[in-house]
Amino acid sequence: MVEKEKSWDIRALVAQFRTSDHWAVSLARDLLWVAGVVGAIALILYLLCGTWPAVVTIESGSMTPNMNIGDLVVVVQKDRYGEFMTWEDAKKANVTKFNGYGDVVIYKPNGMTSVHPIIHRAMVYATTDTPITEIRGIQLRMNYTVPHDGYITWGDNNPAPDQFVSYEGIGTPEPVKDEWIVGKALFTIPLVGYLPLHIVEVVILVVVIMILHELYLRSREESARTGKQPKKPGKRKK
């Protein structure tokens, strides 16, 4: 009996929440609706792309001009929607992606989750038993032997591969293991990436707009209820 009463209480609260005219409740309904839409979009992207996150934002100029700051990148699983290809593989097959040979890979440097993923092009898959003599058709001054099997990566606008330089907070990235790969870039949407880069400001702006809109609707309803009409400017008598 008690459980049945609790069930009816919950239903009554839900019904009251759905039908209440109070501005705060109405705003809460709108916020829940927005959250539901965003959640549904995120779920659809995950199902289509097979990765999380399914979108990332370009935050540096290391891939310019093929990917620019503020571009939103749609990320898919490594072997989804086409075979994953390194620069070497793509050059042999004469297949270009983002105006260059090889897939652009999104990976966690050295497997770290405390830093943002790196978005660079996969050049070659290196193994410990075969020293690398050239990368991107450029002969190395000294053969490079990898500490473990993995991909050598290189930003299109960078002077050297990732594994030859040191990054602040990361150190020198090691060859990218398969388990470090988030996914590969499928396509980009210019400028849209600025939204997640400033997500806090965007959320605040949306909430403020929703509150102002709700207050405006309440003001109109109150005017209609009381019969008061906004004053219109009249013509001056000469």
C-alpha atoms as a PDB file:
ATOM      1  CA  MET A   1       0.000   0.000   0.000  1.00  0.00           C
ATOM      2  CA  VAL A   2       2.798   2.382   0.947  1.00  0.00           C
ATOM      3  CA  GLU A   3       4.664   1.616  -2.280  1.00  0.00           C
ATOM      4  CA  LYS A   4       1.506   2.301  -4.302  1.00  0.00           C
ATOM      5  CA  GLU A   5       1.046   5.663  -2.572  1.00  0.00           C
ATOM      6  CA  LYS A   6       4.702   6.554  -3.293  1.00  0.00           C
ATOM      7  CA  SER A   7       4.179   5.609  -6.937  1.00  0.00           C
ATOM      8  CA  TRP A   8       1.178   7.904  -7.183  1.00  0.00           C
ATOM      9  CA  ASP A   9       3.113  10.682  -5.443  1.00  0.00           C
ATOM     10  CA  ILE A  10       5.877  10.425  -8.033  1.00  0.00           C
ATOM     11  CA  ARG A  11       3.354  10.466 -10.871  1.00  0.00           C
ATOM     12  CA  ALA A  12       1.661  13.491  -9.381  1.00  0.00           C
ATOM     13  CA  LEU A  13       4.986  15.309  -9.077  1.00  0.00           C
ATOM     14  CA  VAL A  14       5.873  14.489 -12.690  1.00  0.00           C
ATOM     15  CA  ALA A  15       2.469  15.672 -13.892  1.00  0.00           C
ATOM     16  CA  GLN A  16       2.837  18.865 -11.867  1.00  0.00           C
ATOM     17  CA  PHE A  17       6.318  19.416 -13.303  1.00  0.00           C
ATOM     18  CA  ARG A  18       5.020  18.945 -16.870  1.00  0.00           C
ATOM     19  CA  THR A  19       2.055  21.300 -16.508  1.00  0.00           C
ATOM     20  CA  SER A  20       3.302  23.934 -14.072  1.00  0.00           C
ATOM     21  CA  ASP A  21       3.237  27.557 -15.284  1.00  0.00           C
ATOM     22  CA  HIS A  22       5.868  28.702 -12.815  1.00  0.00           C
ATOM     23  CA  TRP A  23       8.724  30.359 -14.688  1.00  0.00           C
ATOM     24  CA  ALA A  24      11.424  28.387 -12.854  1.00  0.00           C
ATOM     25  CA  VAL A  25       9.748  25.060 -13.633  1.00  0.00           C
ATOM     26  CA  SER A  26       9.262  26.102 -17.243  1.00  0.00           C
ATOM     27  CA  LEU A  27      12.951  27.014 -17.495  1.00  0.00           C
ATOM     28  CA  ALA A  28      13.914  23.667 -15.947  1.00  0.00           C
ATOM     29  CA  ARG A  29      11.799  21.870 -18.574  1.00  0.00           C
ATOM     30  CA  ASP A  30      13.567  23.783 -21.347  1.00  0.00           C
ATOM     31  CA  LEU A  31      16.989  22.938 -19.917  1.00  0.00           C
ATOM     32  CA  LEU A  32      16.062  19.255 -19.656  1.00  0.00           C
ATOM     33  CA  TRP A  33      14.862  19.327 -23.256  1.00  0.00           C
ATOM     34  CA  VAL A  34      18.177  20.831 -24.418  1.00  0.00           C
ATOM     35  CA  ALA A  35      20.120  18.259 -22.382  1.00  0.00           C
ATOM     36  CA  GLY A  36      18.034  15.474 -23.920  1.00  0.00           C
ATOM     37  CA  VAL A  37      18.686  16.702 -27.465  1.00  0.00           C
ATOM     38  CA  VAL A  38      22.432  17.015 -26.815  1.00  0.00           C
ATOM     39  CA  GLY A  39      22.500  13.546 -25.255  1.00  0.00           C
ATOM     40  CA  ALA A  40      20.620  12.054 -28.217  1.00  0.00           C
ATOM     41  CA  ILE A  41      23.050  13.657 -30.685  1.00  0.00           C
ATOM     42  CA  ALA A  42      26.019  12.346 -28.678  1.00  0.00           C
ATOM     43  CA  LEU A  43      24.534   8.822 -28.675  1.00  0.00           C
ATOM     44  CA  ILE A  44      23.899   8.892 -32.436  1.00  0.00           C
ATOM     45  CA  LEU A  45      27.462  10.090 -33.088  1.00  0.00           C
ATOM     46  CA  TYR A  46      28.844   7.324 -30.889  1.00  0.00           C
ATOM     47  CA  LEU A  47      26.834   4.662 -32.722  1.00  0.00           C
ATOM     48  CA  LEU A  48      27.905   5.995 -36.129  1.00  0.00           C
ATOM     49  CA  CYS A  49      31.559   6.657 -35.289  1.00  0.00           C
ATOM     50  CA  GLY A  50      32.305   3.986 -32.681  1.00  0.00           C
ATOM     51  CA  THR A  51      34.555   6.369 -30.748  1.00  0.00           C
ATOM     52  CA  TRP A  52      34.340   8.611 -27.714  1.00  0.00           C
ATOM     53  CA  PRO A  53      34.739  11.474 -28.105  1.00  0.00           C
ATOM     54  CA  ALA A  54      33.233  11.354 -31.573  1.00  0.00           C
ATOM     55  CA  VAL A  55      34.265  14.945 -32.279  1.00  0.00           C
ATOM     56  CA  VAL A  56      37.371  16.925 -31.339  1.00  0.00           C
ATOM     57  CA  THR A  57      38.521  20.474 -31.994  1.00  0.00           C
ATOM     58  CA  ILE A  58      41.720  21.630 -33.655  1.00  0.00           C
ATOM     59  CA  GLU A  59      43.497  23.783 -31.066  1.00  0.00           C
ATOM     60  CA  SER A  60      46.850  24.475 -32.756  1.00  0.00           C
ATOM     61  CA  GLY A  61      48.259  25.238 -36.195  1.00  0.00           C
ATOM     62  CA  SER A  62      50.264  22.012 -36.494  1.00  0.00           C
ATOM     63  CA  MET A  63      48.026  20.700 -39.300  1.00  0.00           C
ATOM     64  CA  THR A  64      47.632  23.981 -41.197  1.00  0.00           C
ATOM     65  CA  PRO A  65      46.482  24.480 -43.927  1.00  0.00           C
ATOM     66  CA  ASN A  66      44.721  21.112 -44.129  1.00  0.00           C
ATOM     67  CA  MET A  67      43.159  21.475 -40.691  1.00  0.00           C
ATOM     68  CA  ASN A  68      42.851  24.857 -39.021  1.00  0.00           C
ATOM     69  CA  ILE A  69      42.303  26.148 -35.505  1.00  0.00           C
ATOM     70  CA  GLY A  70      38.600  26.019 -34.697  1.00  0.00           C
ATOM     71  CA  ASP A  71      37.796  23.175 -37.103  1.00  0.00           C
ATOM     72  CA  LEU A  72      35.532  20.488 -35.661  1.00  0.00           C
ATOM     73  CA  VAL A  73      36.862  17.026 -36.533  1.00  0.00           C
ATOM     74  CA  VAL A  74      34.540  14.019 -36.732  1.00  0.00           C
ATOM     75  CA  VAL A  75      36.449  10.999 -35.381  1.00  0.00           C
ATOM     76  CA  VAL A  76      35.720   7.387 -36.326  1.00  0.00           C
ATOM     77  CA  GLN A  77      37.240   4.045 -35.386  1.00  0.00           C
ATOM     78  CA  LYS A  78      40.586   3.342 -37.005  1.00  0.00           C
ATOM     79  CA  ASP A  79      39.306   0.842 -39.580  1.00  0.00           C
ATOM     80  CA  ARG A  80      35.750   2.148 -40.010  1.00  0.00           C
ATOM     81  CA  TYR A  81      34.672   3.667 -43.352  1.00  0.00           C
ATOM     82  CA  GLY A  82      37.801   2.536 -45.155  1.00  0.00           C
ATOM     83  CA  GLU A  83      41.111   0.858 -44.434  1.00  0.00           C
ATOM     84  CA  PHE A  84      43.513   2.784 -42.201  1.00  0.00           C
ATOM     85  CA  MET A  85      46.497   3.910 -44.277  1.00  0.00           C
ATOM     86  CA  THR A  86      49.862   5.396 -43.359  1.00  0.00           C
ATOM     87  CA  TRP A  87      51.654   7.930 -45.539  1.00  0.00           C
ATOM     88  CA  GLU A  88      53.696   5.132 -47.085  1.00  0.00           C
ATOM     89  CA  ASP A  89      50.643   2.957 -47.818  1.00  0.00           C
ATOM     90  CA  ALA A  90      48.606   5.841 -49.246  1.00  0.00           C
ATOM     91  CA  LYS A  91      51.449   7.060 -51.443  1.00  0.00           C
ATOM     92  CA  LYS A  92      51.793   3.616 -53.026  1.00  0.00           C
ATOM     93  CA  ALA A  93      48.024   3.481 -53.586  1.00  0.00           C
ATOM     94  CA  ASN A  94      47.892   7.143 -54.645  1.00  0.00           C
ATOM     95  CA  VAL A  95      45.140   7.891 -52.113  1.00  0.00           C
ATOM     96  CA  THR A  96      44.996  11.339 -50.520  1.00  0.00           C
ATOM     97  CA  LYS A  97      43.145  12.460 -47.406  1.00  0.00           C
ATOM     98  CA  PHE A  98      43.040  16.036 -46.194  1.00  0.00           C
ATOM     99  CA  ASN A  99      45.271  17.066 -49.102  1.00  0.00           C
ATOM    100  CA  GLY A 100      48.024  14.616 -48.209  1.00  0.00           C
ATOM    101  CA  TYR A 101      48.921  10.945 -48.093  1.00  0.00           C
ATOM    102  CA  GLY A 102      47.913   8.917 -45.060  1.00  0.00           C
ATOM    103  CA  ASP A 103      45.164   9.044 -42.445  1.00  0.00           C
ATOM    104  CA  VAL A 104      45.114  11.719 -39.794  1.00  0.00           C
ATOM    105  CA  VAL A 105      45.134   9.906 -36.473  1.00  0.00           C
ATOM    106  CA  ILE A 106      43.884  11.146 -33.094  1.00  0.00           C
ATOM    107  CA  TYR A 107      45.930   9.578 -30.318  1.00  0.00           C
ATOM    108  CA  LYS A 108      46.772   9.850 -26.632  1.00  0.00           C
ATOM    109  CA  PRO A 109      50.492  10.678 -26.483  1.00  0.00           C
ATOM    110  CA  ASN A 110      52.319   7.937 -24.569  1.00  0.00           C
ATOM    111  CA  GLY A 111      48.880   6.703 -23.523  1.00  0.00           C
ATOM    112  CA  MET A 112      48.361   9.776 -21.320  1.00  0.00           C
ATOM    113  CA  THR A 113      44.785  10.789 -20.527  1.00  0.00           C
ATOM    114  CA  SER A 114      45.764  13.917 -18.580  1.00  0.00           C
ATOM    115  CA  VAL A 115      46.546  15.867 -21.783  1.00  0.00           C
ATOM    116  CA  HIS A 116      44.561  16.570 -24.913  1.00  0.00           C
ATOM    117  CA  PRO A 117      44.942  14.040 -27.741  1.00  0.00           C
ATOM    118  CA  ILE A 118      47.275  14.889 -30.633  1.00  0.00           C
ATOM    119  CA  ILE A 119      45.841  15.095 -34.160  1.00  0.00           C
ATOM    120  CA  HIS A 120      48.599  14.347 -36.689  1.00  0.00           C
ATOM    121  CA  ARG A 121      49.153  12.284 -39.792  1.00  0.00           C
ATOM    122  CA  ALA A 122      50.321   8.656 -39.547  1.00  0.00           C
ATOM    123  CA  MET A 123      53.525   8.322 -41.541  1.00  0.00           C
ATOM    124  CA  VAL A 124      54.727   4.747 -41.163  1.00  0.00           C
ATOM    125  CA  TYR A 125      54.263   1.770 -38.885  1.00  0.00           C
ATOM    126  CA  ALA A 126      57.648   1.077 -37.291  1.00  0.00           C
ATOM    127  CA  THR A 127      58.852  -2.162 -35.714  1.00  0.00           C
ATOM    128  CA  THR A 128      61.776  -2.742 -33.390  1.00  0.00           C
ATOM    129  CA  ASP A 129      63.506  -5.082 -35.814  1.00  0.00           C
ATOM    130  CA  THR A 130      63.583  -2.596 -38.736  1.00  0.00           C
ATOM    131  CA  PRO A 131      65.319   0.789 -38.263  1.00  0.00           C
ATOM    132  CA  ILE A 132      63.702   3.688 -40.136  1.00  0.00           C
ATOM    133  CA  THR A 133      65.899   5.312 -42.770  1.00  0.00           C
ATOM    134  CA  GLU A 134      63.460   7.886 -44.174  1.00  0.00           C
ATOM    135  CA  ILE A 135      60.126   9.501 -43.327  1.00  0.00           C
ATOM    136  CA  ARG A 136      57.815  11.250 -45.795  1.00  0.00           C
ATOM    137  CA  GLY A 137      60.415  10.671 -48.471  1.00  0.00           C
ATOM    138  CA  ILE A 138      63.059  12.551 -46.481  1.00  0.00           C
ATOM    139  CA  GLN A 139      66.296  10.696 -45.788  1.00  0.00           C
ATOM    140  CA  LEU A 140      67.241  10.705 -42.109  1.00  0.00           C
ATOM    141  CA  ARG A 141      70.739  11.727 -41.069  1.00  0.00           C
ATOM    142  CA  MET A 142      70.752   8.841 -38.602  1.00  0.00           C
ATOM    143  CA  ASN A 143      68.651   5.709 -38.683  1.00  0.00           C
ATOM    144  CA  TYR A 144      65.868   5.745 -36.086  1.00  0.00           C
ATOM    145  CA  THR A 145      65.189   2.613 -34.040  1.00  0.00           C
ATOM    146  CA  VAL A 146      61.893   2.599 -32.175  1.00  0.00           C
ATOM    147  CA  PRO A 147      61.612   1.507 -28.516  1.00  0.00           C
ATOM    148  CA  HIS A 148      58.494  -0.493 -29.399  1.00  0.00           C
ATOM    149  CA  ASP A 149      56.231  -1.121 -32.373  1.00  0.00           C
ATOM    150  CA  GLY A 150      53.949   1.743 -33.307  1.00  0.00           C
ATOM    151  CA  TYR A 151      53.086   4.562 -35.702  1.00  0.00           C
ATOM    152  CA  ILE A 152      55.372   7.496 -36.446  1.00  0.00           C
ATOM    153  CA  THR A 153      53.229  10.633 -36.654  1.00  0.00           C
ATOM    154  CA  TRP A 154      53.849  14.086 -38.087  1.00  0.00           C
ATOM    155  CA  GLY A 155      51.874  17.326 -38.150  1.00  0.00           C
ATOM    156  CA  ASP A 156      51.608  18.676 -41.695  1.00  0.00           C
ATOM    157  CA  ASN A 157      52.852  22.105 -40.575  1.00  0.00           C
ATOM    158  CA  ASN A 158      55.542  20.846 -38.172  1.00  0.00           C
ATOM    159  CA  PRO A 159      59.256  20.707 -39.049  1.00  0.00           C
ATOM    160  CA  ALA A 160      59.775  17.175 -37.652  1.00  0.00           C
ATOM    161  CA  PRO A 161      57.859  14.041 -36.634  1.00  0.00           C
ATOM    162  CA  ASP A 162      56.333  13.926 -33.143  1.00  0.00           C
ATOM    163  CA  GLN A 163      58.779  11.226 -32.061  1.00  0.00           C
ATOM    164  CA  PHE A 164      61.751  13.534 -32.760  1.00  0.00           C
ATOM    165  CA  VAL A 165      60.655  16.492 -30.617  1.00  0.00           C
ATOM    166  CA  SER A 166      59.642  17.233 -27.021  1.00  0.00           C
ATOM    167  CA  TYR A 167      56.261  18.636 -25.995  1.00  0.00           C
ATOM    168  CA  GLU A 168      55.560  20.553 -22.801  1.00  0.00           C
ATOM    169  CA  GLY A 169      53.775  18.322 -20.296  1.00  0.00           C
ATOM    170  CA  ILE A 170      54.346  15.233 -22.457  1.00  0.00           C
ATOM    171  CA  GLY A 171      58.021  14.901 -23.247  1.00  0.00           C
ATOM    172  CA  THR A 172      58.926  13.067 -26.441  1.00  0.00           C
ATOM    173  CA  PRO A 173      55.974  11.050 -27.782  1.00  0.00           C
ATOM    174  CA  GLU A 174      56.814   7.404 -28.394  1.00  0.00           C
ATOM    175  CA  PRO A 175      55.600   5.553 -31.491  1.00  0.00           C
ATOM    176  CA  VAL A 176      51.821   5.339 -31.226  1.00  0.00           C
ATOM    177  CA  LYS A 177      50.526   1.970 -30.043  1.00  0.00           C
ATOM    178  CA  ASP A 178      47.151   0.751 -31.290  1.00  0.00           C
ATOM    179  CA  GLU A 179      45.653   1.057 -27.810  1.00  0.00           C
ATOM    180  CA  TRP A 180      46.602   4.745 -27.697  1.00  0.00           C
ATOM    181  CA  ILE A 181      44.614   5.548 -30.829  1.00  0.00           C
ATOM    182  CA  VAL A 182      41.279   7.299 -30.273  1.00  0.00           C
ATOM    183  CA  GLY A 183      40.392   7.114 -33.958  1.00  0.00           C
ATOM    184  CA  LYS A 184      41.012   8.686 -37.336  1.00  0.00           C
ATOM    185  CA  ALA A 185      39.668  11.914 -38.812  1.00  0.00           C
ATOM    186  CA  LEU A 186      36.728  11.402 -41.185  1.00  0.00           C
ATOM    187  CA  PHE A 187      35.968  15.018 -42.086  1.00  0.00           C
ATOM    188  CA  THR A 188      36.119  18.514 -40.630  1.00  0.00           C
ATOM    189  CA  ILE A 189      33.587  21.316 -40.196  1.00  0.00           C
ATOM    190  CA  PRO A 190      35.285  24.744 -40.288  1.00  0.00           C
ATOM    191  CA  LEU A 191      34.898  27.127 -37.320  1.00  0.00           C
ATOM    192  CA  VAL A 192      32.265  25.029 -35.514  1.00  0.00           C
ATOM    193  CA  GLY A 193      34.977  23.789 -33.138  1.00  0.00           C
ATOM    194  CA  TYR A 194      35.088  27.228 -31.521  1.00  0.00           C
ATOM    195  CA  LEU A 195      31.862  26.304 -29.703  1.00  0.00           C
ATOM    196  CA  PRO A 196      33.353  23.464 -27.594  1.00  0.00           C
ATOM    197  CA  LEU A 197      36.522  25.533 -27.119  1.00  0.00           C
ATOM    198  CA  HIS A 198      34.325  28.105 -25.351  1.00  0.00           C
ATOM    199  CA  ILE A 199      31.696  25.726 -24.004  1.00  0.00           C
ATOM    200  CA  VAL A 200      31.359  27.496 -20.624  1.00  0.00           C
ATOM    201  CA  GLU A 201      30.647  30.843 -22.268  1.00  0.00           C
ATOM    202  CA  VAL A 202      28.227  29.204 -24.726  1.00  0.00           C
ATOM    203  CA  VAL A 203      26.284  27.468 -21.939  1.00  0.00           C
ATOM    204  CA  ILE A 204      26.025  30.709 -19.936  1.00  0.00           C
ATOM    205  CA  LEU A 205      24.824  32.606 -23.016  1.00  0.00           C
ATOM    206  CA  VAL A 206      22.198  29.955 -23.830  1.00  0.00           C
ATOM    207  CA  VAL A 207      20.892  29.944 -20.249  1.00  0.00           C
ATOM    208  CA  VAL A 208      20.708  33.764 -20.173  1.00  0.00           C
ATOM    209  CA  ILE A 209      18.825  33.817 -23.494  1.00  0.00           C
ATOM    210  CA  MET A 210      16.400  31.175 -22.239  1.00  0.00           C
ATOM    211  CA  ILE A 211      15.756  33.133 -19.029  1.00  0.00           C
ATOM    212  CA  LEU A 212      15.191  36.387 -20.938  1.00  0.00           C
ATOM    213  CA  HIS A 213      12.869  34.613 -23.368  1.00  0.00           C
ATOM    214  CA  GLU A 214      10.890  33.106 -20.496  1.00  0.00           C
ATOM    215  CA  LEU A 215      10.587  36.494 -18.781  1.00  0.00           C
ATOM    216  CA  TYR A 216       9.444  38.049 -22.065  1.00  0.00           C
ATOM    217  CA  LEU A 217       6.713  35.414 -22.502  1.00  0.00           C
ATOM    218  CA  ARG A 218       5.575  35.914 -18.886  1.00  0.00           C
ATOM    219  CA  SER A 219       5.423  39.661 -19.466  1.00  0.00           C
ATOM    220  CA  ARG A 220       3.227  39.205 -22.534  1.00  0.00           C
ATOM    221  CA  GLU A 221       0.938  36.780 -20.690  1.00  0.00           C
ATOM    222  CA  GLU A 222       0.595  39.243 -17.808  1.00  0.00           C
ATOM    223  CA  SER A 223      -0.207  42.082 -20.210  1.00  0.00           C
ATOM    224  CA  ALA A 224      -2.851  39.962 -21.934  1.00  0.00           C
ATOM    225  CA  ARG A 225      -4.352  38.927 -18.600  1.00  0.00           C
ATOM    226  CA  THR A 226      -4.638  42.470 -17.245  1.00  0.00           C
ATOM    227  CA  GLY A 227      -5.673  43.959 -20.566  1.00  0.00           C
ATOM    228  CA  LYS A 228      -2.767  46.380 -20.639  1.00  0.00           C
ATOM    229  CA  GLN A 229      -1.221  46.998 -24.021  1.00  0.00           C
ATOM    230  CA  PRO A 230       2.248  48.370 -24.618  1.00  0.00           C
ATOM    231  CA  LYS A 231       2.115  52.088 -25.236  1.00  0.00           C
ATOM    232  CA  LYS A 232       2.683  53.124 -28.825  1.00  0.00           C
ATOM    233  CA  PRO A 233       4.377  56.403 -29.630  1.00  0.00           C
ATOM    234  CA  GLY A 234       1.813  58.895 -30.947  1.00  0.00           C
ATOM    235  CA  LYS A 235       2.211  61.684 -33.441  1.00  0.00           C
ATOM    236  CA  ARG A 236       2.870  65.090 -32.101  1.00  0.00           C
ATOM    237  CA  LYS A 237       0.234  67.692 -32.804  1.00  0.00           C
ATOM    238  CA  LYS A 238       1.443  70.681 -34.740  1.00  0.00           C
END
